[in-house]
Amino acid sequence: MSELLSVALVCAGTLLAQDCSRETALDVIVSPARTPMECIMHAQTMAAAAGLPGGDHRYLKVSCEHRRTEADPVVVVRRAS
């Protein structure tokens, strides 16, 4: 199992980048990655594929995260409808 996750957060344009997180994002896109380089490449691909309708009203923030283990707390992710 991959230890890394490429994470793309679609955030409201009114939200500061440092405040954009899984909890505050309008949508979250996650993809497993085996290496840090693959994680970065997935993040760039997700950013290009996102399209982001709405112009300046939304932006994409991408990052690489370590996969949580069963001992880690569960985070509930909201999805935009």
PDB file of N, CA and C in Angstrom:
ATOM      1  N   MET A   1       0.839  -1.184   0.000  1.00  0.00           N
ATOM      2  CA  MET A   1       0.000   0.000   0.000  1.00  0.00           C
ATOM      3  C   MET A   1       0.879   1.239   0.000  1.00  0.00           C
ATOM      4  N   SER A   2       0.459   2.221  -0.758  1.00  0.00           N
ATOM      5  CA  SER A   2       1.186   3.472  -0.858  1.00  0.00           C
ATOM      6  C   SER A   2       1.133   4.237   0.463  1.00  0.00           C
ATOM      7  N   GLU A   3       2.247   4.847   0.824  1.00  0.00           N
ATOM      8  CA  GLU A   3       2.297   5.637   2.053  1.00  0.00           C
ATOM      9  C   GLU A   3       1.964   7.107   1.818  1.00  0.00           C
ATOM     10  N   LEU A   4       1.983   7.534   0.556  1.00  0.00           N
ATOM     11  CA  LEU A   4       1.736   8.937   0.231  1.00  0.00           C
ATOM     12  C   LEU A   4       0.413   9.134  -0.481  1.00  0.00           C
ATOM     13  N   LEU A   5      -0.141  10.320  -0.302  1.00  0.00           N
ATOM     14  CA  LEU A   5      -1.357  10.710  -0.998  1.00  0.00           C
ATOM     15  C   LEU A   5      -1.140  12.077  -1.634  1.00  0.00           C
ATOM     16  N   SER A   6      -1.501  12.194  -2.898  1.00  0.00           N
ATOM     17  CA  SER A   6      -1.565  13.500  -3.546  1.00  0.00           C
ATOM     18  C   SER A   6      -2.937  14.062  -3.217  1.00  0.00           C
ATOM     19  N   VAL A   7      -2.976  15.269  -2.683  1.00  0.00           N
ATOM     20  CA  VAL A   7      -4.239  15.868  -2.261  1.00  0.00           C
ATOM     21  C   VAL A   7      -4.413  17.212  -2.968  1.00  0.00           C
ATOM     22  N   ALA A   8      -5.545  17.369  -3.630  1.00  0.00           N
ATOM     23  CA  ALA A   8      -5.892  18.640  -4.271  1.00  0.00           C
ATOM     24  C   ALA A   8      -7.137  19.187  -3.577  1.00  0.00           C
ATOM     25  N   LEU A   9      -7.037  20.402  -3.080  1.00  0.00           N
ATOM     26  CA  LEU A   9      -8.147  21.049  -2.384  1.00  0.00           C
ATOM     27  C   LEU A   9      -8.688  22.172  -3.252  1.00  0.00           C
ATOM     28  N   VAL A  10      -9.978  22.162  -3.524  1.00  0.00           N
ATOM     29  CA  VAL A  10     -10.637  23.244  -4.241  1.00  0.00           C
ATOM     30  C   VAL A  10     -11.191  24.184  -3.174  1.00  0.00           C
ATOM     31  N   CYS A  11     -10.651  25.391  -3.128  1.00  0.00           N
ATOM     32  CA  CYS A  11     -11.033  26.328  -2.072  1.00  0.00           C
ATOM     33  C   CYS A  11     -11.668  27.590  -2.643  1.00  0.00           C
ATOM     34  N   ALA A  12     -12.515  28.215  -1.842  1.00  0.00           N
ATOM     35  CA  ALA A  12     -13.170  29.469  -2.226  1.00  0.00           C
ATOM     36  C   ALA A  12     -12.116  30.555  -2.383  1.00  0.00           C
ATOM     37  N   GLY A  13     -12.276  31.391  -3.393  1.00  0.00           N
ATOM     38  CA  GLY A  13     -11.334  32.470  -3.650  1.00  0.00           C
ATOM     39  C   GLY A  13     -11.212  33.459  -2.506  1.00  0.00           C
ATOM     40  N   THR A  14     -12.196  33.502  -1.638  1.00  0.00           N
ATOM     41  CA  THR A  14     -12.160  34.421  -0.498  1.00  0.00           C
ATOM     42  C   THR A  14     -11.378  33.858   0.689  1.00  0.00           C
ATOM     43  N   LEU A  15     -10.986  32.584   0.604  1.00  0.00           N
ATOM     44  CA  LEU A  15     -10.268  31.919   1.698  1.00  0.00           C
ATOM     45  C   LEU A  15      -8.767  32.070   1.495  1.00  0.00           C
ATOM     46  N   LEU A  16      -8.052  32.510   2.517  1.00  0.00           N
ATOM     47  CA  LEU A  16      -6.596  32.620   2.430  1.00  0.00           C
ATOM     48  C   LEU A  16      -5.978  31.235   2.247  1.00  0.00           C
ATOM     49  N   ALA A  17      -4.884  31.154   1.508  1.00  0.00           N
ATOM     50  CA  ALA A  17      -4.240  29.864   1.220  1.00  0.00           C
ATOM     51  C   ALA A  17      -3.868  29.121   2.502  1.00  0.00           C
ATOM     52  N   GLN A  18      -3.384  29.817   3.515  1.00  0.00           N
ATOM     53  CA  GLN A  18      -2.997  29.140   4.757  1.00  0.00           C
ATOM     54  C   GLN A  18      -4.211  28.580   5.504  1.00  0.00           C
ATOM     55  N   ASP A  19      -5.413  29.072   5.194  1.00  0.00           N
ATOM     56  CA  ASP A  19      -6.635  28.580   5.838  1.00  0.00           C
ATOM     57  C   ASP A  19      -7.327  27.486   5.023  1.00  0.00           C
ATOM     58  N   CYS A  20      -6.830  27.222   3.824  1.00  0.00           N
ATOM     59  CA  CYS A  20      -7.405  26.185   2.963  1.00  0.00           C
ATOM     60  C   CYS A  20      -6.924  24.825   3.461  1.00  0.00           C
ATOM     61  N   SER A  21      -7.853  23.996   3.909  1.00  0.00           N
ATOM     62  CA  SER A  21      -7.530  22.673   4.444  1.00  0.00           C
ATOM     63  C   SER A  21      -8.619  21.696   4.017  1.00  0.00           C
ATOM     64  N   ARG A  22      -8.464  20.442   4.373  1.00  0.00           N
ATOM     65  CA  ARG A  22      -9.496  19.449   4.060  1.00  0.00           C
ATOM     66  C   ARG A  22     -10.834  19.835   4.675  1.00  0.00           C
ATOM     67  N   GLU A  23     -10.785  20.476   5.822  1.00  0.00           N
ATOM     68  CA  GLU A  23     -12.017  20.850   6.522  1.00  0.00           C
ATOM     69  C   GLU A  23     -12.706  22.056   5.895  1.00  0.00           C
ATOM     70  N   THR A  24     -11.944  22.962   5.288  1.00  0.00           N
ATOM     71  CA  THR A  24     -12.529  24.189   4.750  1.00  0.00           C
ATOM     72  C   THR A  24     -12.711  24.161   3.233  1.00  0.00           C
ATOM     73  N   ALA A  25     -12.176  23.160   2.561  1.00  0.00           N
ATOM     74  CA  ALA A  25     -12.239  23.090   1.091  1.00  0.00           C
ATOM     75  C   ALA A  25     -13.656  22.817   0.607  1.00  0.00           C
ATOM     76  N   LEU A  26     -13.954  23.319  -0.589  1.00  0.00           N
ATOM     77  CA  LEU A  26     -15.234  23.041  -1.234  1.00  0.00           C
ATOM     78  C   LEU A  26     -15.269  21.609  -1.757  1.00  0.00           C
ATOM     79  N   ASP A  27     -14.102  21.116  -2.172  1.00  0.00           N
ATOM     80  CA  ASP A  27     -13.990  19.747  -2.680  1.00  0.00           C
ATOM     81  C   ASP A  27     -12.576  19.260  -2.422  1.00  0.00           C
ATOM     82  N   VAL A  28     -12.415  17.941  -2.301  1.00  0.00           N
ATOM     83  CA  VAL A  28     -11.119  17.327  -2.046  1.00  0.00           C
ATOM     84  C   VAL A  28     -10.927  16.191  -3.041  1.00  0.00           C
ATOM     85  N   ILE A  29      -9.779  16.178  -3.716  1.00  0.00           N
ATOM     86  CA  ILE A  29      -9.444  15.120  -4.663  1.00  0.00           C
ATOM     87  C   ILE A  29      -8.186  14.446  -4.133  1.00  0.00           C
ATOM     88  N   VAL A  30      -8.225  13.109  -3.984  1.00  0.00           N
ATOM     89  CA  VAL A  30      -7.108  12.373  -3.405  1.00  0.00           C
ATOM     90  C   VAL A  30      -6.683  11.255  -4.346  1.00  0.00           C
ATOM     91  N   SER A  31      -5.374  11.071  -4.480  1.00  0.00           N
ATOM     92  CA  SER A  31      -4.825  10.023  -5.326  1.00  0.00           C
ATOM     93  C   SER A  31      -3.614   9.406  -4.620  1.00  0.00           C
ATOM     94  N   PRO A  32      -3.506   8.067  -4.565  1.00  0.00           N
ATOM     95  CA  PRO A  32      -2.337   7.446  -3.933  1.00  0.00           C
ATOM     96  C   PRO A  32      -1.084   7.638  -4.782  1.00  0.00           C
ATOM     97  N   ALA A  33       0.064   7.682  -4.120  1.00  0.00           N
ATOM     98  CA  ALA A  33       1.350   7.815  -4.803  1.00  0.00           C
ATOM     99  C   ALA A  33       2.385   6.968  -4.067  1.00  0.00           C
ATOM    100  N   ARG A  34       3.301   6.389  -4.827  1.00  0.00           N
ATOM    101  CA  ARG A  34       4.314   5.518  -4.223  1.00  0.00           C
ATOM    102  C   ARG A  34       5.576   6.263  -3.811  1.00  0.00           C
ATOM    103  N   THR A  35       5.891   7.352  -4.491  1.00  0.00           N
ATOM    104  CA  THR A  35       7.122   8.098  -4.209  1.00  0.00           C
ATOM    105  C   THR A  35       6.802   9.594  -4.147  1.00  0.00           C
ATOM    106  N   PRO A  36       7.685  10.393  -3.550  1.00  0.00           N
ATOM    107  CA  PRO A  36       7.456  11.836  -3.531  1.00  0.00           C
ATOM    108  C   PRO A  36       7.353  12.429  -4.941  1.00  0.00           C
ATOM    109  N   MET A  37       8.174  11.952  -5.874  1.00  0.00           N
ATOM    110  CA  MET A  37       8.113  12.467  -7.246  1.00  0.00           C
ATOM    111  C   MET A  37       6.767  12.131  -7.882  1.00  0.00           C
ATOM    112  N   GLU A  38       6.282  10.920  -7.677  1.00  0.00           N
ATOM    113  CA  GLU A  38       4.965  10.536  -8.208  1.00  0.00           C
ATOM    114  C   GLU A  38       3.874  11.384  -7.577  1.00  0.00           C
ATOM    115  N   CYS A  39       4.025  11.694  -6.308  1.00  0.00           N
ATOM    116  CA  CYS A  39       3.044  12.526  -5.608  1.00  0.00           C
ATOM    117  C   CYS A  39       2.969  13.905  -6.243  1.00  0.00           C
ATOM    118  N   ILE A  40       4.110  14.496  -6.527  1.00  0.00           N
ATOM    119  CA  ILE A  40       4.145  15.817  -7.154  1.00  0.00           C
ATOM    120  C   ILE A  40       3.540  15.758  -8.553  1.00  0.00           C
ATOM    121  N   MET A  41       3.859  14.708  -9.303  1.00  0.00           N
ATOM    122  CA  MET A  41       3.331  14.571 -10.660  1.00  0.00           C
ATOM    123  C   MET A  41       1.812  14.404 -10.632  1.00  0.00           C
ATOM    124  N   HIS A  42       1.296  13.597  -9.682  1.00  0.00           N
ATOM    125  CA  HIS A  42      -0.156  13.421  -9.564  1.00  0.00           C
ATOM    126  C   HIS A  42      -0.817  14.754  -9.233  1.00  0.00           C
ATOM    127  N   ALA A  43      -0.212  15.505  -8.325  1.00  0.00           N
ATOM    128  CA  ALA A  43      -0.779  16.787  -7.920  1.00  0.00           C
ATOM    129  C   ALA A  43      -0.874  17.728  -9.122  1.00  0.00           C
ATOM    130  N   GLN A  44       0.165  17.762  -9.955  1.00  0.00           N
ATOM    131  CA  GLN A  44       0.136  18.623 -11.138  1.00  0.00           C
ATOM    132  C   GLN A  44      -0.934  18.158 -12.119  1.00  0.00           C
ATOM    133  N   THR A  45      -1.080  16.848 -12.273  1.00  0.00           N
ATOM    134  CA  THR A  45      -2.100  16.307 -13.171  1.00  0.00           C
ATOM    135  C   THR A  45      -3.494  16.646 -12.663  1.00  0.00           C
ATOM    136  N   MET A  46      -3.720  16.501 -11.356  1.00  0.00           N
ATOM    137  CA  MET A  46      -5.027  16.837 -10.783  1.00  0.00           C
ATOM    138  C   MET A  46      -5.328  18.313 -10.957  1.00  0.00           C
ATOM    139  N   ALA A  47      -4.309  19.156 -10.803  1.00  0.00           N
ATOM    140  CA  ALA A  47      -4.504  20.593 -10.963  1.00  0.00           C
ATOM    141  C   ALA A  47      -4.910  20.914 -12.400  1.00  0.00           C
ATOM    142  N   ALA A  48      -4.265  20.278 -13.363  1.00  0.00           N
ATOM    143  CA  ALA A  48      -4.589  20.525 -14.768  1.00  0.00           C
ATOM    144  C   ALA A  48      -5.974  20.004 -15.124  1.00  0.00           C
ATOM    145  N   ALA A  49      -6.356  18.865 -14.555  1.00  0.00           N
ATOM    146  CA  ALA A  49      -7.644  18.245 -14.878  1.00  0.00           C
ATOM    147  C   ALA A  49      -8.822  18.903 -14.164  1.00  0.00           C
ATOM    148  N   ALA A  50      -8.558  19.638 -13.089  1.00  0.00           N
ATOM    149  CA  ALA A  50      -9.640  20.201 -12.279  1.00  0.00           C
ATOM    150  C   ALA A  50     -10.493  21.194 -13.065  1.00  0.00           C
ATOM    151  N   GLY A  51      -9.883  21.977 -13.942  1.00  0.00           N
ATOM    152  CA  GLY A  51     -10.651  22.909 -14.758  1.00  0.00           C
ATOM    153  C   GLY A  51     -11.171  24.123 -14.004  1.00  0.00           C
ATOM    154  N   LEU A  52     -11.601  23.958 -12.819  1.00  0.00           N
ATOM    155  CA  LEU A  52     -12.093  25.007 -11.931  1.00  0.00           C
ATOM    156  C   LEU A  52     -12.999  26.043 -12.578  1.00  0.00           C
ATOM    157  N   PRO A  53     -14.251  25.661 -12.825  1.00  0.00           N
ATOM    158  CA  PRO A  53     -15.196  26.660 -13.293  1.00  0.00           C
ATOM    159  C   PRO A  53     -15.396  27.726 -12.213  1.00  0.00           C
ATOM    160  N   GLY A  54     -15.655  28.930 -12.618  1.00  0.00           N
ATOM    161  CA  GLY A  54     -15.893  29.983 -11.637  1.00  0.00           C
ATOM    162  C   GLY A  54     -14.783  31.005 -11.575  1.00  0.00           C
ATOM    163  N   GLY A  55     -13.731  30.850 -12.361  1.00  0.00           N
ATOM    164  CA  GLY A  55     -12.659  31.834 -12.434  1.00  0.00           C
ATOM    165  C   GLY A  55     -12.028  32.136 -11.102  1.00  0.00           C
ATOM    166  N   ASP A  56     -12.043  33.405 -10.707  1.00  0.00           N
ATOM    167  CA  ASP A  56     -11.382  33.832  -9.475  1.00  0.00           C
ATOM    168  C   ASP A  56     -12.133  33.433  -8.209  1.00  0.00           C
ATOM    169  N   HIS A  57     -13.281  32.809  -8.358  1.00  0.00           N
ATOM    170  CA  HIS A  57     -14.080  32.456  -7.188  1.00  0.00           C
ATOM    171  C   HIS A  57     -13.568  31.202  -6.496  1.00  0.00           C
ATOM    172  N   ARG A  58     -12.677  30.456  -7.157  1.00  0.00           N
ATOM    173  CA  ARG A  58     -12.122  29.227  -6.590  1.00  0.00           C
ATOM    174  C   ARG A  58     -10.660  29.100  -6.999  1.00  0.00           C
ATOM    175  N   TYR A  59      -9.886  28.391  -6.185  1.00  0.00           N
ATOM    176  CA  TYR A  59      -8.508  28.080  -6.555  1.00  0.00           C
ATOM    177  C   TYR A  59      -8.170  26.690  -6.053  1.00  0.00           C
ATOM    178  N   LEU A  60      -7.077  26.145  -6.552  1.00  0.00           N
ATOM    179  CA  LEU A  60      -6.659  24.794  -6.207  1.00  0.00           C
ATOM    180  C   LEU A  60      -5.377  24.848  -5.397  1.00  0.00           C
ATOM    181  N   LYS A  61      -5.357  24.125  -4.305  1.00  0.00           N
ATOM    182  CA  LYS A  61      -4.160  24.004  -3.477  1.00  0.00           C
ATOM    183  C   LYS A  61      -3.800  22.522  -3.462  1.00  0.00           C
ATOM    184  N   VAL A  62      -2.567  22.185  -3.833  1.00  0.00           N
ATOM    185  CA  VAL A  62      -2.159  20.785  -3.894  1.00  0.00           C
ATOM    186  C   VAL A  62      -1.047  20.519  -2.888  1.00  0.00           C
ATOM    187  N   SER A  63      -1.028  19.284  -2.367  1.00  0.00           N
ATOM    188  CA  SER A  63       0.002  18.902  -1.415  1.00  0.00           C
ATOM    189  C   SER A  63       0.181  17.391  -1.424  1.00  0.00           C
ATOM    190  N   CYS A  64       1.251  16.949  -0.809  1.00  0.00           N
ATOM    191  CA  CYS A  64       1.497  15.519  -0.615  1.00  0.00           C
ATOM    192  C   CYS A  64       1.400  15.260   0.883  1.00  0.00           C
ATOM    193  N   GLU A  65       0.684  14.201   1.239  1.00  0.00           N
ATOM    194  CA  GLU A  65       0.487  13.866   2.650  1.00  0.00           C
ATOM    195  C   GLU A  65       0.862  12.417   2.881  1.00  0.00           C
ATOM    196  N   HIS A  66       1.245  12.110   4.105  1.00  0.00           N
ATOM    197  CA  HIS A  66       1.441  10.717   4.486  1.00  0.00           C
ATOM    198  C   HIS A  66       0.074  10.114   4.758  1.00  0.00           C
ATOM    199  N   ARG A  67      -0.122   8.893   4.287  1.00  0.00           N
ATOM    200  CA  ARG A  67      -1.393   8.194   4.536  1.00  0.00           C
ATOM    201  C   ARG A  67      -1.546   7.975   6.034  1.00  0.00           C
ATOM    202  N   ARG A  68      -2.741   8.195   6.531  1.00  0.00           N
ATOM    203  CA  ARG A  68      -3.015   7.971   7.950  1.00  0.00           C
ATOM    204  C   ARG A  68      -3.162   6.484   8.216  1.00  0.00           C
ATOM    205  N   THR A  69      -2.747   6.072   9.397  1.00  0.00           N
ATOM    206  CA  THR A  69      -2.913   4.667   9.781  1.00  0.00           C
ATOM    207  C   THR A  69      -4.215   4.527  10.543  1.00  0.00           C
ATOM    208  N   GLU A  70      -4.581   3.299  10.844  1.00  0.00           N
ATOM    209  CA  GLU A  70      -5.831   3.061  11.587  1.00  0.00           C
ATOM    210  C   GLU A  70      -5.796   3.699  12.961  1.00  0.00           C
ATOM    211  N   ALA A  71      -4.603   3.922  13.509  1.00  0.00           N
ATOM    212  CA  ALA A  71      -4.481   4.531  14.827  1.00  0.00           C
ATOM    213  C   ALA A  71      -4.703   6.040  14.774  1.00  0.00           C
ATOM    214  N   ASP A  72      -4.571   6.633  13.587  1.00  0.00           N
ATOM    215  CA  ASP A  72      -4.772   8.071  13.432  1.00  0.00           C
ATOM    216  C   ASP A  72      -6.260   8.408  13.480  1.00  0.00           C
ATOM    217  N   PRO A  73      -6.605   9.621  13.902  1.00  0.00           N
ATOM    218  CA  PRO A  73      -8.018  10.018  13.919  1.00  0.00           C
ATOM    219  C   PRO A  73      -8.588  10.111  12.504  1.00  0.00           C
ATOM    220  N   VAL A  74      -9.852   9.839  12.380  1.00  0.00           N
ATOM    221  CA  VAL A  74     -10.540   9.900  11.095  1.00  0.00           C
ATOM    222  C   VAL A  74     -11.001  11.334  10.855  1.00  0.00           C
ATOM    223  N   VAL A  75     -10.791  11.833   9.640  1.00  0.00           N
ATOM    224  CA  VAL A  75     -11.214  13.179   9.279  1.00  0.00           C
ATOM    225  C   VAL A  75     -12.363  13.043   8.270  1.00  0.00           C
ATOM    226  N   VAL A  76     -13.452  13.717   8.545  1.00  0.00           N
ATOM    227  CA  VAL A  76     -14.600  13.692   7.639  1.00  0.00           C
ATOM    228  C   VAL A  76     -14.396  14.771   6.587  1.00  0.00           C
ATOM    229  N   VAL A  77     -14.531  14.395   5.320  1.00  0.00           N
ATOM    230  CA  VAL A  77     -14.318  15.334   4.220  1.00  0.00           C
ATOM    231  C   VAL A  77     -15.644  15.637   3.551  1.00  0.00           C
ATOM    232  N   ARG A  78     -15.961  16.942   3.412  1.00  0.00           N
ATOM    233  CA  ARG A  78     -17.171  17.366   2.732  1.00  0.00           C
ATOM    234  C   ARG A  78     -16.888  17.425   1.242  1.00  0.00           C
ATOM    235  N   ARG A  79     -17.886  17.095   0.451  1.00  0.00           N
ATOM    236  CA  ARG A  79     -17.787  17.177  -1.010  1.00  0.00           C
ATOM    237  C   ARG A  79     -18.742  18.247  -1.509  1.00  0.00           C
ATOM    238  N   ALA A  80     -18.301  19.019  -2.465  1.00  0.00           N
ATOM    239  CA  ALA A  80     -19.181  20.020  -3.076  1.00  0.00           C
ATOM    240  C   ALA A  80     -20.240  19.316  -3.915  1.00  0.00           C
ATOM    241  N   SER A  81     -21.411  19.858  -3.929  1.00  0.00           N
ATOM    242  CA  SER A  81     -22.483  19.226  -4.727  1.00  0.00           C
ATOM    243  C   SER A  81     -22.773  20.003  -5.974  1.00  0.00           C
TER     244      SER A  81
END
